[in-house]
Every structure is written in structure tokens, then in C-alpha cells.
Amino acid sequence: MSDVPVNLSGQGLPETVLPPLPDSVARALAAAAALDDAGERRAAMTDVAASAPRTLEAWAYLGELARDPVEAYAYFRVGYHRGLDQLRAAGWRGSGYVRWRAHSNQGFLRSLHGLQRTAAAIGESDEAERCAEFLVQLDPSGPWTDG
């Protein structure tokens, strides 16, 4: 017999969903993302991040469009930390799910996943491992898992 308590309430871990972007910011982000040229896309994303710095997807895009791992690391770190602030404001208390399936969570999760990858690329293996574990805790079925 296990000493681990069983939760029969059906509640389980709480799930936090970030609020959607304002329509004007979502349009600017979509327009920037649609640009074909990577340099133009990066410049347009920089404009989005500068005009709406709480736009987590802009920071994730900037990390993905970065010219080197250190630049990417910096962008992903900004998206990650701004995302933690937004999660706390949305009621997250340091545990529970932040699922990929909620589109509004994807900028934060992309930033965290990018931070994990770039931390590994620059030799920050402890941070990369912490980020990998955090991603699985937030969403065990996210695109970063094999399952």
C-alpha cells in the first residue's frame, strides 16, 4: 500500500491561461511574422517588441531570428521573465499547468524552450536542464516531449 495520498476530488493541478493579445498587437505580430525576408521580419518584430514589450511571442520570434546563440539567449530570457510576470498576474502561483494548446501561452513556452536550447548551446547545462524540467512540469504533452 502506498503512502502517497490520492486526490479523488477531480480537481488536479490548476491550469493557467494567459490573456490573449489586444487585436492591434496581434495584427502587428502577424504582419511581422508574415514577412519573407528574415532581416525584415527581425526588424518588424523588434518594432513590435519595442511598441508592446509585454508581447511574449515577439520575444520568442526575436530569439528564433537571432544572429547568434548569445543574442538568442538574451531574447529568450526576456520572453521567459516577462512571461513569469504575466503568469503570476494571471493567478499562477508557481505550480500547475501552462499548456501549449492555449495559443496565448505559446509565446512564453517558446521562450522557455528557446532558453533551454540556447543555454545548452552556450554551455549553461544546469540552466538548460532546469528549463527542460520546467517545460515538462508546465505541459507534459508539449511539443518538446517525445510522447
N, C-alpha and C. Protein backbone atom coordinates (compact mmCIF):
# COMPACT_ATOMS: atom_id res chain seq x y z
N MET A 1 0.84 -1.17 0.00
CA MET A 1 0.00 0.00 0.00
C MET A 1 0.88 1.23 0.00
N SER A 2 0.56 2.20 -0.82
CA SER A 2 1.35 3.42 -0.96
C SER A 2 0.99 4.43 0.12
N ASP A 3 2.00 5.21 0.55
CA ASP A 3 1.77 6.30 1.49
C ASP A 3 1.42 7.60 0.78
N VAL A 4 1.38 7.58 -0.55
CA VAL A 4 1.08 8.78 -1.33
C VAL A 4 -0.42 9.00 -1.34
N PRO A 5 -0.88 10.22 -0.93
CA PRO A 5 -2.33 10.45 -0.94
C PRO A 5 -2.87 10.49 -2.37
N VAL A 6 -4.10 10.07 -2.51
CA VAL A 6 -4.77 10.06 -3.80
C VAL A 6 -5.81 11.18 -3.81
N ASN A 7 -5.78 12.00 -4.83
CA ASN A 7 -6.74 13.10 -4.96
C ASN A 7 -7.97 12.57 -5.69
N LEU A 8 -9.07 12.41 -4.97
CA LEU A 8 -10.30 11.90 -5.57
C LEU A 8 -11.27 13.01 -5.95
N SER A 9 -10.87 14.25 -5.73
CA SER A 9 -11.79 15.36 -5.99
C SER A 9 -11.97 15.67 -7.46
N GLY A 10 -11.06 15.21 -8.29
CA GLY A 10 -11.13 15.51 -9.72
C GLY A 10 -10.55 16.87 -10.07
N GLN A 11 -10.08 17.60 -9.08
CA GLN A 11 -9.54 18.93 -9.32
C GLN A 11 -8.19 18.87 -10.03
N GLY A 12 -7.27 18.08 -9.53
CA GLY A 12 -5.94 18.00 -10.12
C GLY A 12 -5.20 19.32 -10.02
N LEU A 13 -4.13 19.44 -10.76
CA LEU A 13 -3.35 20.67 -10.76
C LEU A 13 -4.09 21.78 -11.50
N PRO A 14 -3.95 23.00 -11.02
CA PRO A 14 -4.60 24.11 -11.73
C PRO A 14 -3.92 24.37 -13.07
N GLU A 15 -4.65 24.98 -13.97
CA GLU A 15 -4.11 25.34 -15.28
C GLU A 15 -4.26 26.85 -15.46
N THR A 16 -3.18 27.48 -15.89
CA THR A 16 -3.19 28.92 -16.12
C THR A 16 -3.14 29.19 -17.61
N VAL A 17 -3.98 30.10 -18.06
CA VAL A 17 -4.00 30.52 -19.45
C VAL A 17 -3.80 32.04 -19.46
N LEU A 18 -2.80 32.47 -20.19
CA LEU A 18 -2.54 33.90 -20.30
C LEU A 18 -3.62 34.56 -21.14
N PRO A 19 -3.91 35.83 -20.88
CA PRO A 19 -4.92 36.51 -21.69
C PRO A 19 -4.44 36.71 -23.12
N PRO A 20 -5.38 36.79 -24.07
CA PRO A 20 -4.97 37.00 -25.47
C PRO A 20 -4.41 38.40 -25.68
N LEU A 21 -3.67 38.55 -26.76
CA LEU A 21 -3.13 39.85 -27.13
C LEU A 21 -4.26 40.80 -27.56
N PRO A 22 -4.06 42.09 -27.35
CA PRO A 22 -5.00 43.05 -27.95
C PRO A 22 -4.99 42.88 -29.47
N ASP A 23 -6.12 43.12 -30.11
CA ASP A 23 -6.24 42.91 -31.56
C ASP A 23 -5.17 43.66 -32.35
N SER A 24 -4.88 44.91 -31.98
CA SER A 24 -3.91 45.70 -32.74
C SER A 24 -2.51 45.08 -32.64
N VAL A 25 -2.16 44.56 -31.49
CA VAL A 25 -0.84 43.93 -31.31
C VAL A 25 -0.81 42.60 -32.06
N ALA A 26 -1.89 41.84 -31.99
CA ALA A 26 -1.95 40.57 -32.71
C ALA A 26 -1.80 40.79 -34.22
N ARG A 27 -2.42 41.85 -34.73
CA ARG A 27 -2.29 42.16 -36.17
C ARG A 27 -0.86 42.54 -36.51
N ALA A 28 -0.22 43.36 -35.70
CA ALA A 28 1.17 43.77 -35.95
C ALA A 28 2.10 42.56 -35.89
N LEU A 29 1.87 41.69 -34.94
CA LEU A 29 2.69 40.48 -34.80
C LEU A 29 2.52 39.58 -36.02
N ALA A 30 1.28 39.38 -36.46
CA ALA A 30 1.01 38.54 -37.62
C ALA A 30 1.63 39.13 -38.89
N ALA A 31 1.55 40.45 -39.02
CA ALA A 31 2.15 41.09 -40.20
C ALA A 31 3.66 40.93 -40.20
N ALA A 32 4.27 41.09 -39.04
CA ALA A 32 5.73 40.92 -38.94
C ALA A 32 6.13 39.48 -39.24
N ALA A 33 5.38 38.53 -38.69
CA ALA A 33 5.69 37.12 -38.90
C ALA A 33 5.54 36.69 -40.35
N ALA A 34 4.68 37.38 -41.09
CA ALA A 34 4.41 37.01 -42.47
C ALA A 34 5.47 37.50 -43.46
N LEU A 35 6.37 38.36 -43.03
CA LEU A 35 7.40 38.88 -43.94
C LEU A 35 8.33 37.76 -44.38
N ASP A 36 8.68 37.74 -45.66
CA ASP A 36 9.52 36.67 -46.20
C ASP A 36 10.98 36.82 -45.84
N ASP A 37 11.49 38.02 -45.88
CA ASP A 37 12.91 38.25 -45.63
C ASP A 37 13.18 38.21 -44.12
N ALA A 38 14.15 37.40 -43.69
CA ALA A 38 14.45 37.24 -42.26
C ALA A 38 14.88 38.55 -41.62
N GLY A 39 15.67 39.35 -42.33
CA GLY A 39 16.10 40.63 -41.78
C GLY A 39 14.93 41.59 -41.59
N GLU A 40 14.04 41.63 -42.58
CA GLU A 40 12.85 42.48 -42.45
C GLU A 40 11.94 41.97 -41.34
N ARG A 41 11.82 40.64 -41.24
CA ARG A 41 10.98 40.04 -40.19
C ARG A 41 11.55 40.37 -38.82
N ARG A 42 12.87 40.29 -38.68
CA ARG A 42 13.53 40.62 -37.40
C ARG A 42 13.31 42.09 -37.06
N ALA A 43 13.47 42.98 -38.03
CA ALA A 43 13.26 44.41 -37.79
C ALA A 43 11.81 44.70 -37.40
N ALA A 44 10.87 44.05 -38.07
CA ALA A 44 9.45 44.26 -37.74
C ALA A 44 9.12 43.71 -36.36
N MET A 45 9.71 42.58 -35.99
CA MET A 45 9.49 42.02 -34.65
C MET A 45 10.10 42.93 -33.59
N THR A 46 11.24 43.52 -33.91
CA THR A 46 11.84 44.48 -32.98
C THR A 46 10.89 45.65 -32.75
N ASP A 47 10.25 46.12 -33.81
CA ASP A 47 9.26 47.20 -33.68
C ASP A 47 8.09 46.77 -32.79
N VAL A 48 7.62 45.54 -32.97
CA VAL A 48 6.51 45.04 -32.15
C VAL A 48 6.94 44.99 -30.69
N ALA A 49 8.13 44.42 -30.44
CA ALA A 49 8.61 44.32 -29.05
C ALA A 49 8.82 45.69 -28.43
N ALA A 50 9.29 46.65 -29.22
CA ALA A 50 9.52 48.00 -28.69
C ALA A 50 8.20 48.71 -28.39
N SER A 51 7.20 48.50 -29.22
CA SER A 51 5.93 49.20 -29.01
C SER A 51 5.01 48.47 -28.03
N ALA A 52 5.21 47.16 -27.87
CA ALA A 52 4.39 46.36 -26.95
C ALA A 52 5.30 45.34 -26.27
N PRO A 53 6.15 45.79 -25.33
CA PRO A 53 7.18 44.91 -24.76
C PRO A 53 6.65 43.73 -23.95
N ARG A 54 5.38 43.68 -23.69
CA ARG A 54 4.80 42.53 -22.98
C ARG A 54 4.36 41.43 -23.94
N THR A 55 4.64 41.61 -25.22
CA THR A 55 4.23 40.64 -26.23
C THR A 55 5.24 39.49 -26.26
N LEU A 56 4.92 38.42 -25.57
CA LEU A 56 5.85 37.30 -25.40
C LEU A 56 6.21 36.65 -26.73
N GLU A 57 5.26 36.58 -27.64
CA GLU A 57 5.56 35.97 -28.94
C GLU A 57 6.60 36.77 -29.71
N ALA A 58 6.62 38.08 -29.55
CA ALA A 58 7.64 38.89 -30.24
C ALA A 58 9.02 38.52 -29.73
N TRP A 59 9.16 38.34 -28.42
CA TRP A 59 10.47 37.96 -27.86
C TRP A 59 10.87 36.56 -28.33
N ALA A 60 9.91 35.66 -28.41
CA ALA A 60 10.21 34.31 -28.90
C ALA A 60 10.65 34.35 -30.36
N TYR A 61 9.92 35.12 -31.19
CA TYR A 61 10.33 35.27 -32.59
C TYR A 61 11.73 35.86 -32.69
N LEU A 62 12.00 36.90 -31.91
CA LEU A 62 13.33 37.53 -31.96
C LEU A 62 14.42 36.53 -31.59
N GLY A 63 14.16 35.68 -30.60
CA GLY A 63 15.12 34.64 -30.27
C GLY A 63 15.34 33.67 -31.42
N GLU A 64 14.25 33.31 -32.08
CA GLU A 64 14.34 32.38 -33.22
C GLU A 64 15.02 33.02 -34.42
N LEU A 65 14.94 34.34 -34.53
CA LEU A 65 15.53 35.07 -35.66
C LEU A 65 16.93 35.62 -35.34
N ALA A 66 17.42 35.35 -34.16
CA ALA A 66 18.70 35.91 -33.72
C ALA A 66 19.85 35.46 -34.62
N ARG A 67 20.87 36.29 -34.63
CA ARG A 67 22.02 36.03 -35.49
C ARG A 67 23.06 35.11 -34.86
N ASP A 68 22.98 34.90 -33.54
CA ASP A 68 23.92 34.01 -32.88
C ASP A 68 23.30 33.52 -31.56
N PRO A 69 23.88 32.50 -30.95
CA PRO A 69 23.29 31.93 -29.73
C PRO A 69 23.20 32.90 -28.54
N VAL A 70 24.15 33.80 -28.41
CA VAL A 70 24.12 34.74 -27.29
C VAL A 70 22.96 35.73 -27.46
N GLU A 71 22.78 36.23 -28.66
CA GLU A 71 21.65 37.13 -28.94
C GLU A 71 20.34 36.38 -28.71
N ALA A 72 20.25 35.16 -29.19
CA ALA A 72 19.03 34.37 -28.99
C ALA A 72 18.76 34.15 -27.50
N TYR A 73 19.80 33.82 -26.76
CA TYR A 73 19.67 33.59 -25.32
C TYR A 73 19.08 34.83 -24.64
N ALA A 74 19.57 36.00 -25.00
CA ALA A 74 19.08 37.24 -24.39
C ALA A 74 17.60 37.47 -24.71
N TYR A 75 17.20 37.29 -25.95
CA TYR A 75 15.79 37.47 -26.32
C TYR A 75 14.90 36.45 -25.60
N PHE A 76 15.31 35.20 -25.61
CA PHE A 76 14.50 34.17 -24.96
C PHE A 76 14.40 34.43 -23.45
N ARG A 77 15.47 34.91 -22.85
CA ARG A 77 15.46 35.20 -21.41
C ARG A 77 14.46 36.32 -21.10
N VAL A 78 14.42 37.34 -21.95
CA VAL A 78 13.45 38.42 -21.74
C VAL A 78 12.03 37.87 -21.83
N GLY A 79 11.76 37.07 -22.86
CA GLY A 79 10.43 36.48 -23.01
C GLY A 79 10.06 35.59 -21.84
N TYR A 80 11.01 34.84 -21.34
CA TYR A 80 10.77 33.96 -20.20
C TYR A 80 10.43 34.77 -18.95
N HIS A 81 11.23 35.77 -18.64
CA HIS A 81 10.99 36.55 -17.41
C HIS A 81 9.73 37.40 -17.50
N ARG A 82 9.47 37.99 -18.66
CA ARG A 82 8.21 38.73 -18.82
C ARG A 82 7.03 37.77 -18.72
N GLY A 83 7.22 36.56 -19.22
CA GLY A 83 6.17 35.55 -19.14
C GLY A 83 5.88 35.14 -17.70
N LEU A 84 6.91 34.97 -16.90
CA LEU A 84 6.69 34.64 -15.49
C LEU A 84 5.87 35.73 -14.81
N ASP A 85 6.20 36.99 -15.10
CA ASP A 85 5.43 38.11 -14.54
C ASP A 85 3.96 38.02 -14.95
N GLN A 86 3.73 37.74 -16.23
CA GLN A 86 2.35 37.66 -16.72
C GLN A 86 1.60 36.46 -16.14
N LEU A 87 2.30 35.35 -15.98
CA LEU A 87 1.67 34.17 -15.38
C LEU A 87 1.25 34.47 -13.95
N ARG A 88 2.13 35.11 -13.20
CA ARG A 88 1.79 35.45 -11.81
C ARG A 88 0.58 36.39 -11.77
N ALA A 89 0.55 37.36 -12.67
CA ALA A 89 -0.58 38.29 -12.73
C ALA A 89 -1.87 37.56 -13.11
N ALA A 90 -1.76 36.45 -13.83
CA ALA A 90 -2.93 35.66 -14.25
C ALA A 90 -3.34 34.63 -13.20
N GLY A 91 -2.64 34.64 -12.05
CA GLY A 91 -3.04 33.74 -10.97
C GLY A 91 -2.15 32.54 -10.74
N TRP A 92 -1.14 32.34 -11.56
CA TRP A 92 -0.23 31.21 -11.40
C TRP A 92 0.57 31.41 -10.12
N ARG A 93 0.69 30.40 -9.31
CA ARG A 93 1.39 30.51 -8.03
C ARG A 93 2.62 29.62 -7.95
N GLY A 94 3.23 29.36 -9.08
CA GLY A 94 4.47 28.59 -9.08
C GLY A 94 4.30 27.11 -9.32
N SER A 95 3.07 26.66 -9.45
CA SER A 95 2.85 25.26 -9.80
C SER A 95 1.55 25.18 -10.61
N GLY A 96 1.42 24.08 -11.29
CA GLY A 96 0.26 23.89 -12.15
C GLY A 96 0.65 23.98 -13.62
N TYR A 97 -0.32 23.69 -14.44
CA TYR A 97 -0.07 23.60 -15.87
C TYR A 97 -0.17 24.95 -16.58
N VAL A 98 0.68 25.08 -17.59
CA VAL A 98 0.61 26.18 -18.56
C VAL A 98 0.72 25.46 -19.90
N ARG A 99 -0.42 25.15 -20.47
CA ARG A 99 -0.48 24.25 -21.63
C ARG A 99 -0.20 24.94 -22.96
N TRP A 100 0.49 24.20 -23.82
CA TRP A 100 0.79 24.65 -25.18
C TRP A 100 -0.49 24.85 -25.99
N ARG A 101 -1.50 24.05 -25.75
CA ARG A 101 -2.73 24.11 -26.56
C ARG A 101 -3.42 25.47 -26.46
N ALA A 102 -3.15 26.23 -25.40
CA ALA A 102 -3.69 27.58 -25.29
C ALA A 102 -2.76 28.52 -26.06
N HIS A 103 -3.23 29.04 -27.17
CA HIS A 103 -2.38 29.86 -28.05
C HIS A 103 -1.71 31.00 -27.28
N SER A 104 -2.41 31.59 -26.34
CA SER A 104 -1.86 32.73 -25.60
C SER A 104 -0.69 32.34 -24.70
N ASN A 105 -0.50 31.05 -24.42
CA ASN A 105 0.64 30.57 -23.62
C ASN A 105 1.87 30.30 -24.48
N GLN A 106 1.72 30.25 -25.78
CA GLN A 106 2.80 29.76 -26.64
C GLN A 106 4.01 30.68 -26.68
N GLY A 107 3.84 31.98 -26.59
CA GLY A 107 4.99 32.88 -26.58
C GLY A 107 5.89 32.61 -25.39
N PHE A 108 5.29 32.43 -24.22
CA PHE A 108 6.06 32.10 -23.03
C PHE A 108 6.75 30.75 -23.18
N LEU A 109 6.01 29.74 -23.60
CA LEU A 109 6.58 28.40 -23.71
C LEU A 109 7.65 28.33 -24.79
N ARG A 110 7.47 29.05 -25.90
CA ARG A 110 8.52 29.10 -26.93
C ARG A 110 9.77 29.78 -26.38
N SER A 111 9.58 30.82 -25.57
CA SER A 111 10.74 31.50 -24.97
C SER A 111 11.46 30.56 -24.01
N LEU A 112 10.71 29.84 -23.19
CA LEU A 112 11.34 28.91 -22.24
C LEU A 112 12.05 27.78 -22.98
N HIS A 113 11.42 27.26 -24.03
CA HIS A 113 12.06 26.20 -24.81
C HIS A 113 13.32 26.73 -25.52
N GLY A 114 13.22 27.94 -26.06
CA GLY A 114 14.39 28.55 -26.69
C GLY A 114 15.49 28.80 -25.69
N LEU A 115 15.13 29.23 -24.49
CA LEU A 115 16.13 29.45 -23.44
C LEU A 115 16.83 28.13 -23.09
N GLN A 116 16.05 27.08 -23.04
CA GLN A 116 16.65 25.75 -22.77
C GLN A 116 17.67 25.38 -23.85
N ARG A 117 17.28 25.55 -25.10
CA ARG A 117 18.17 25.18 -26.21
C ARG A 117 19.42 26.07 -26.26
N THR A 118 19.23 27.38 -26.10
CA THR A 118 20.39 28.28 -26.20
C THR A 118 21.27 28.19 -24.98
N ALA A 119 20.70 27.92 -23.81
CA ALA A 119 21.53 27.71 -22.62
C ALA A 119 22.46 26.52 -22.87
N ALA A 120 21.92 25.46 -23.45
CA ALA A 120 22.76 24.30 -23.78
C ALA A 120 23.82 24.67 -24.80
N ALA A 121 23.45 25.49 -25.78
CA ALA A 121 24.39 25.87 -26.84
C ALA A 121 25.56 26.70 -26.32
N ILE A 122 25.34 27.48 -25.26
CA ILE A 122 26.43 28.32 -24.74
C ILE A 122 27.08 27.70 -23.51
N GLY A 123 26.75 26.45 -23.21
CA GLY A 123 27.42 25.74 -22.13
C GLY A 123 26.80 25.91 -20.75
N GLU A 124 25.60 26.46 -20.67
CA GLU A 124 24.90 26.61 -19.39
C GLU A 124 24.04 25.37 -19.16
N SER A 125 24.71 24.24 -18.94
CA SER A 125 24.00 22.96 -18.87
C SER A 125 23.05 22.88 -17.69
N ASP A 126 23.39 23.46 -16.55
CA ASP A 126 22.47 23.44 -15.40
C ASP A 126 21.17 24.17 -15.73
N GLU A 127 21.30 25.35 -16.36
CA GLU A 127 20.11 26.10 -16.73
C GLU A 127 19.30 25.36 -17.78
N ALA A 128 19.98 24.77 -18.74
CA ALA A 128 19.28 24.01 -19.78
C ALA A 128 18.48 22.87 -19.17
N GLU A 129 19.05 22.20 -18.20
CA GLU A 129 18.36 21.09 -17.54
C GLU A 129 17.15 21.60 -16.73
N ARG A 130 17.32 22.70 -16.01
CA ARG A 130 16.20 23.27 -15.25
C ARG A 130 15.05 23.67 -16.18
N CYS A 131 15.40 24.29 -17.31
CA CYS A 131 14.38 24.70 -18.27
C CYS A 131 13.65 23.50 -18.85
N ALA A 132 14.40 22.44 -19.18
CA ALA A 132 13.79 21.22 -19.73
C ALA A 132 12.81 20.61 -18.73
N GLU A 133 13.21 20.56 -17.47
CA GLU A 133 12.33 20.02 -16.43
C GLU A 133 11.09 20.90 -16.25
N PHE A 134 11.28 22.20 -16.27
CA PHE A 134 10.18 23.14 -16.09
C PHE A 134 9.17 23.00 -17.23
N LEU A 135 9.65 22.86 -18.46
CA LEU A 135 8.75 22.68 -19.60
C LEU A 135 7.86 21.46 -19.42
N VAL A 136 8.44 20.35 -18.99
CA VAL A 136 7.66 19.12 -18.81
C VAL A 136 6.68 19.28 -17.65
N GLN A 137 7.07 20.00 -16.60
CA GLN A 137 6.14 20.24 -15.49
C GLN A 137 4.96 21.11 -15.96
N LEU A 138 5.24 22.10 -16.78
CA LEU A 138 4.19 23.01 -17.24
C LEU A 138 3.23 22.33 -18.22
N ASP A 139 3.77 21.50 -19.09
CA ASP A 139 2.93 20.78 -20.05
C ASP A 139 3.62 19.48 -20.45
N PRO A 140 3.28 18.39 -19.77
CA PRO A 140 3.92 17.10 -20.06
C PRO A 140 3.66 16.57 -21.46
N SER A 141 2.72 17.15 -22.18
CA SER A 141 2.43 16.69 -23.55
C SER A 141 2.80 17.74 -24.59
N GLY A 142 3.62 18.73 -24.21
CA GLY A 142 4.02 19.78 -25.14
C GLY A 142 4.90 19.27 -26.27
N PRO A 143 5.15 20.10 -27.27
CA PRO A 143 5.92 19.66 -28.44
C PRO A 143 7.39 19.36 -28.13
N TRP A 144 7.87 19.67 -26.95
CA TRP A 144 9.27 19.41 -26.56
C TRP A 144 9.43 17.99 -26.01
N THR A 145 8.32 17.24 -25.88
CA THR A 145 8.40 15.89 -25.34
C THR A 145 8.36 14.89 -26.48
N ASP A 146 8.77 13.69 -26.19
CA ASP A 146 8.73 12.61 -27.18
C ASP A 146 7.38 11.89 -27.17
N GLY A 147 6.55 12.18 -26.17
CA GLY A 147 5.31 11.44 -26.01
C GLY A 147 4.10 12.07 -26.55
